[in-house]
Protein backbone atom coordinates (compact mmCIF):
# COMPACT_ATOMS: atom_id res chain seq x y z
CA MET A 1 68.63 3.24 -18.16
CA LYS A 2 67.62 0.92 -15.23
CA THR A 3 66.80 1.42 -11.47
CA ASN A 4 68.21 -1.11 -8.98
CA VAL A 5 66.76 -1.36 -5.46
CA PHE A 6 69.06 -2.80 -2.58
CA LEU A 7 66.77 -4.15 0.00
CA PHE A 8 67.96 -4.82 3.44
CA THR A 9 64.83 -6.43 5.12
CA LEU A 10 61.96 -8.22 3.41
CA ILE A 11 59.47 -5.86 4.84
CA PHE A 12 59.75 -3.60 1.75
CA THR A 13 58.90 -6.63 -0.45
CA ALA A 14 55.60 -6.94 0.74
CA LEU A 15 52.62 -4.75 0.35
CA LEU A 16 50.53 -3.85 3.21
CA ILE A 17 46.97 -4.61 2.04
CA ILE A 18 44.19 -2.99 3.94
CA ASN A 19 40.24 -2.60 3.33
CA CYS A 20 39.78 0.08 0.73
CA PRO A 21 36.41 -0.40 -0.90
CA ALA A 22 36.46 0.79 -4.51
CA GLN A 23 39.91 1.77 -4.26
CA LYS A 24 43.48 0.30 -4.98
CA PRO A 25 45.72 -0.52 -1.98
CA ILE A 26 49.36 0.51 -2.59
CA SER A 27 51.54 -0.17 0.39
CA ASN A 28 49.58 1.39 3.15
CA VAL A 29 48.05 4.11 1.11
CA CYS A 30 44.72 4.01 -0.63
CA ILE A 31 44.37 5.89 -3.99
CA ASN A 32 41.12 7.03 -5.09
CA GLU A 33 40.69 6.58 -8.82
CA ASN A 34 38.02 9.35 -9.05
CA LEU A 35 40.30 12.11 -7.91
CA LEU A 36 41.51 14.19 -10.79
CA ASP A 37 44.93 15.83 -11.05
CA PHE A 38 44.97 19.65 -9.82
CA LYS A 39 47.30 22.47 -10.30
CA VAL A 40 49.32 23.73 -7.40
CA ASN A 41 51.15 26.72 -8.57
CA GLU A 42 49.09 29.78 -9.13
CA ARG A 43 50.67 31.15 -12.13
CA ALA A 44 51.11 29.30 -15.40
CA GLY A 45 54.66 28.65 -16.67
CA LYS A 46 55.43 30.50 -19.95
CA ARG A 47 58.48 28.28 -20.72
CA PHE A 48 59.85 24.80 -20.27
CA GLY A 49 61.49 24.48 -16.81
CA GLU A 50 59.72 27.29 -15.16
CA LYS A 51 58.48 25.11 -12.45
CA SER A 52 61.03 22.45 -11.42
CA ASP A 53 62.54 20.68 -8.41
CA VAL A 54 59.34 19.45 -6.70
CA SER A 55 59.64 18.11 -3.23
CA ILE A 56 56.50 17.04 -1.05
CA ALA A 57 56.08 16.00 2.73
CA SER A 58 53.16 15.06 4.95
CA ASP A 59 52.13 15.18 8.75
CA ALA A 60 50.38 12.76 10.81
CA SER A 61 46.87 14.35 9.96
CA GLY A 62 47.33 13.81 6.32
CA ASN A 63 48.24 17.42 5.48
CA SER A 64 50.86 17.95 2.84
CA VAL A 65 53.24 20.69 1.69
CA ILE A 66 54.82 20.73 -1.68
CA SER A 67 57.76 23.06 -2.45
CA TRP A 68 59.25 23.83 -6.02
CA THR A 69 61.45 26.19 -7.94
CA ASP A 70 59.33 29.02 -9.66
CA SER A 71 60.33 31.62 -12.10
CA ARG A 72 57.21 33.63 -12.03
CA ASN A 73 59.15 36.76 -10.99
CA GLY A 74 62.06 36.25 -13.66
CA ASP A 75 64.77 34.57 -11.67
CA PRO A 76 64.00 31.26 -9.91
CA ASP A 77 62.41 31.42 -6.26
CA ILE A 78 61.32 28.76 -3.92
CA TYR A 79 57.53 28.56 -3.37
CA CYS A 80 55.44 26.23 -1.28
CA GLN A 81 51.73 25.21 -0.92
CA LYS A 82 49.81 23.35 1.70
CA ILE A 83 47.34 20.88 0.55
CA ASN A 84 44.90 19.49 3.41
CA ALA A 85 44.06 15.81 4.01
CA ALA A 86 40.84 16.34 1.77
CA GLY A 87 43.01 17.34 -1.05
CA ASP A 88 42.00 21.05 -1.03
CA LEU A 89 44.63 23.92 -1.28
CA GLU A 90 44.99 25.86 1.81
CA GLY A 91 45.76 29.55 1.41
CA GLN A 92 47.94 30.80 -1.54
CA ASN A 93 51.43 29.95 -2.81
CA ILE A 94 54.08 31.37 -0.30
CA LEU A 95 57.34 32.73 -1.34
CA VAL A 96 59.92 30.92 0.81
CA ASN A 97 63.24 32.79 0.23
CA ASP A 98 63.23 36.31 1.61
CA ASP A 99 65.99 38.06 -0.30
CA ASN A 100 65.20 41.00 -2.45
CA LYS A 101 67.59 40.34 -5.11
CA ASN A 102 67.26 39.02 -8.60
CA ILE A 103 69.25 35.78 -7.90
CA HIS A 104 68.79 32.15 -8.12
CA GLN A 105 67.23 29.81 -5.53
CA LEU A 106 67.11 26.19 -6.56
CA SER A 107 66.68 22.50 -5.72
CA SER A 108 64.38 22.67 -2.77
CA GLU A 109 63.91 19.78 -0.36
CA ILE A 110 61.24 19.54 2.51
CA ALA A 111 60.72 17.54 5.70
CA MET A 112 57.54 17.83 7.83
CA LEU A 113 57.06 16.78 11.53
CA PRO A 114 54.07 14.83 12.62
CA SER A 115 52.64 17.93 14.28
CA GLY A 116 52.80 19.98 11.11
CA GLU A 117 55.89 22.02 11.47
CA PHE A 118 58.09 21.79 8.25
CA ILE A 119 61.48 22.93 6.90
CA ILE A 120 62.46 23.66 3.39
CA ALA A 121 66.15 23.73 2.41
CA TRP A 122 67.53 24.93 -0.95
CA VAL A 123 70.52 25.93 -2.92
CA ASP A 124 70.95 29.75 -2.76
CA TYR A 125 73.10 32.32 -4.66
CA ARG A 126 72.17 35.38 -2.67
CA ASN A 127 75.80 35.81 -1.59
CA LEU A 128 77.27 35.08 -5.09
CA ASN A 129 78.22 38.77 -5.85
CA ASP A 130 79.68 39.17 -2.27
CA SER A 131 81.53 35.97 -1.91
CA GLY A 132 81.51 34.43 -5.28
CA TYR A 133 79.97 31.20 -3.90
CA ASN A 134 76.53 29.54 -3.24
CA PHE A 135 75.23 28.25 0.03
CA ILE A 136 72.53 26.21 1.50
CA TYR A 137 69.76 27.98 3.18
CA ALA A 138 66.55 26.81 5.15
CA GLN A 139 63.39 28.00 6.46
CA VAL A 140 61.28 26.79 9.14
CA PHE A 141 57.47 27.07 9.12
CA ASP A 142 54.91 26.40 12.05
CA GLN A 143 51.85 24.28 11.34
CA TYR A 144 49.96 27.47 10.41
CA LEU A 145 52.32 28.34 7.70
CA ASN A 146 53.91 31.26 9.54
CA LYS A 147 57.71 31.51 8.93
CA VAL A 148 59.71 30.88 12.22
CA GLY A 149 62.32 33.54 11.89
CA PRO A 150 63.91 34.63 8.76
CA ASN A 151 65.80 32.45 6.22
CA PHE A 152 69.21 31.21 7.50
CA LYS A 153 72.25 29.84 6.16
CA VAL A 154 73.04 26.33 6.97
CA ASN A 155 76.70 25.77 5.91
CA SER A 156 79.16 27.35 8.11
CA ASP A 157 81.83 27.85 5.78
CA SER A 158 81.80 31.34 3.95
CA THR A 159 84.47 31.23 1.37
CA GLY A 160 85.80 28.78 -1.15
CA THR A 161 82.83 26.54 -1.28
CA TYR A 162 80.11 25.57 -3.76
CA CYS A 163 77.03 23.91 -2.05
CA SER A 164 74.52 21.68 -3.84
CA ALA A 165 72.15 18.79 -3.40
CA PRO A 166 70.41 19.22 0.01
CA SER A 167 68.43 16.38 1.44
CA VAL A 168 66.27 16.80 4.51
CA THR A 169 64.73 14.46 7.08
CA LEU A 170 63.17 14.66 10.51
CA THR A 171 64.11 12.94 13.99
CA GLY A 172 61.89 11.32 16.52
CA LYS A 173 62.89 14.20 18.88
CA GLY A 174 61.19 16.70 16.62
CA GLN A 175 64.31 18.13 14.98
CA PHE A 176 65.39 18.20 11.29
CA ILE A 177 68.75 17.03 9.69
CA ILE A 178 69.95 18.46 6.52
CA THR A 179 72.71 16.97 4.41
CA TRP A 180 74.41 18.49 1.43
CA GLN A 181 77.34 18.17 -0.96
CA ASP A 182 80.08 20.84 -0.39
CA TYR A 183 82.83 21.61 -2.79
CA ASN A 184 85.63 23.36 -0.86
CA ASN A 185 89.19 24.06 -1.76
CA GLY A 186 89.13 21.59 -4.56
CA LYS A 187 87.45 18.67 -2.69
CA ASN A 188 84.08 17.43 -2.64
CA SER A 189 82.69 16.52 0.81
CA LEU A 190 79.37 15.72 2.34
CA PHE A 191 78.18 17.71 5.52
CA ALA A 192 75.11 17.63 7.75
CA GLN A 193 73.37 19.89 10.32
CA ILE A 194 70.78 19.15 13.01
CA ILE A 195 68.14 21.94 13.21
CA ASN A 196 65.64 22.32 16.05
CA SER A 197 62.05 23.00 15.26
CA ASP A 198 62.61 26.78 16.06
CA GLY A 199 65.19 27.05 13.38
CA GLU A 200 68.25 26.84 15.77
CA PRO A 201 71.06 24.81 14.93
CA VAL A 202 72.06 21.89 17.27
CA GLY A 203 75.86 22.04 17.39
CA ASP A 204 77.99 22.69 14.27
CA ASN A 205 78.10 21.43 10.79
CA PHE A 206 79.62 17.81 10.94
CA VAL A 207 81.32 15.82 8.08
CA VAL A 208 79.69 12.88 6.68
CA LYS A 209 82.66 11.99 4.58
CA SER A 210 85.56 13.70 3.00
CA SER A 211 88.87 12.88 1.38
CA TYR A 212 87.28 11.35 -1.89
CA SER A 213 84.73 12.76 -4.42
CA TYR A 214 81.26 12.43 -3.20
CA GLY A 215 77.92 13.71 -4.33
CA LYS A 216 74.00 13.66 -4.32
CA PRO A 217 73.45 12.66 -0.83
CA SER A 218 69.98 11.30 0.40
CA ILE A 219 69.02 11.09 4.08
CA SER A 220 66.24 9.17 6.02
CA SER A 221 65.74 8.47 9.70
CA ASN A 222 63.58 6.63 12.31
CA THR A 223 61.81 7.42 15.46
CA ALA A 224 64.70 6.25 17.63
CA ASN A 225 66.76 9.08 16.17
CA THR A 226 69.04 6.88 14.03
CA PHE A 227 69.55 8.26 10.52
CA ILE A 228 71.26 6.91 7.54
CA ILE A 229 72.83 8.85 4.39
CA SER A 230 73.71 7.32 1.05
CA TRP A 231 75.75 8.98 -1.67
CA ILE A 232 77.52 8.58 -5.06
CA ASP A 233 81.17 7.89 -4.27
CA THR A 234 84.35 7.84 -6.70
CA ARG A 235 86.79 6.67 -4.17
CA VAL A 236 88.29 4.19 -6.80
CA GLY A 237 89.19 7.17 -9.00
CA PRO A 238 87.93 10.14 -10.94
CA TYR A 239 87.83 8.37 -14.18
CA SER A 240 86.20 4.94 -12.80
CA SER A 241 82.45 4.14 -12.46
CA PRO A 242 81.27 5.40 -9.24
CA ASP A 243 79.66 3.39 -6.51
CA VAL A 244 76.87 3.95 -3.98
CA TYR A 245 78.03 3.97 -0.38
CA ALA A 246 75.96 4.52 2.87
CA GLN A 247 76.61 5.23 6.56
CA LEU A 248 74.42 4.97 9.59
CA PHE A 249 74.52 7.60 12.28
CA SER A 250 73.18 8.10 15.86
CA GLU A 251 71.31 11.02 16.91
CA ASP A 252 74.34 13.21 17.82
CA GLY A 253 75.75 12.85 14.27
CA SER A 254 78.46 10.25 15.15
CA GLY A 255 78.97 7.40 12.68
CA THR A 256 77.56 4.10 13.81
CA GLY A 257 79.63 1.23 12.39
CA SER A 258 81.61 1.40 9.09
CA MET A 259 80.41 2.89 5.80
CA PHE A 260 79.26 0.28 3.46
CA LYS A 261 79.17 -0.11 -0.31
CA VAL A 262 75.49 -0.83 -1.65
CA ASN A 263 75.87 -1.75 -5.20
CA SER A 264 77.29 -4.77 -6.79
CA ASP A 265 80.09 -4.42 -9.42
CA VAL A 266 78.50 -4.62 -12.87
CA GLU A 267 80.90 -3.89 -15.87
CA GLY A 268 79.55 -0.86 -17.87
CA GLU A 269 77.21 0.58 -15.04
CA TYR A 270 77.63 4.15 -14.26
CA LEU A 271 75.67 5.17 -11.18
CA MET A 272 74.10 8.71 -11.17
CA SER A 273 71.66 9.04 -8.27
CA THR A 274 70.46 7.53 -5.10
CA LYS A 275 67.42 7.71 -2.69
CA LEU A 276 66.70 5.97 0.38
CA SER A 277 63.99 5.51 3.07
CA MET A 278 64.04 4.16 6.56
CA ASN A 279 60.93 2.95 8.58
CA ALA A 280 60.29 3.54 12.33
CA SER A 281 61.93 0.24 13.23
CA GLY A 282 65.24 1.22 11.54
CA GLU A 283 64.98 -1.03 8.60
CA PHE A 284 65.76 0.79 5.34
CA ALA A 285 65.97 0.33 1.55
CA ILE A 286 68.39 2.09 -0.87
CA SER A 287 67.69 2.67 -4.70
CA TYR A 288 70.02 3.95 -7.15
CA VAL A 289 70.03 4.61 -10.99
CA ALA A 290 72.46 2.82 -13.19
């Protein structure tokens, strides 16, 4: 298996070297070799896979929050933990999902504003017994780790849908954007939703792309409120090798320009996942596994 990176500007090919005595510069981050690994979850896992789906985000002060799937209570839940700029744990592990059912919550993703507020989105099965389908849920926290309102459902459809693979980013206006894969009425589509820092949705779910089989979206944005989404795309046919496509969007969710194919056609390649990152100036890089 190999990983290809599609570079859109040369900015990502150069390391930003800064003065870091007795440390190794990696991009614009200094890594102290004397720091040891430390355990984040409070309870040791008893079996393989009991802790999984890890995601991390940081604010402008160097504080970070990690989210993960945790089965300490039997069925998988979403937990998070804050780590300050000194590398110390702040407070205890926090249970993110607020349902009281023995049900699955999986695949959490996190995004954090420079001021410290953050959002966690995940796949949630709490409505499975009522509707037969799973949805995307989310929770906003303030900078003091207080929940801002209850968990809320992100996708607006309530029947005939299986939601998966959430990805989250933030905007320069202090908002969050969540995108996900939505299998509805026999068709895979990609949707997205803009969320205010108080957890209120801005407008409705909007379609990233439909009509073909899409999956595993990744999202990133810049300070000018432009964002980009990449995904695995099987428009050529269900039995052909998938491709990676991407689309730029303006801050209101409308597409900018045309979607474009990222990968080159290589015989025998089978693309399975994609990740992307956009800097403040709008330059971006997309990687994919083949």
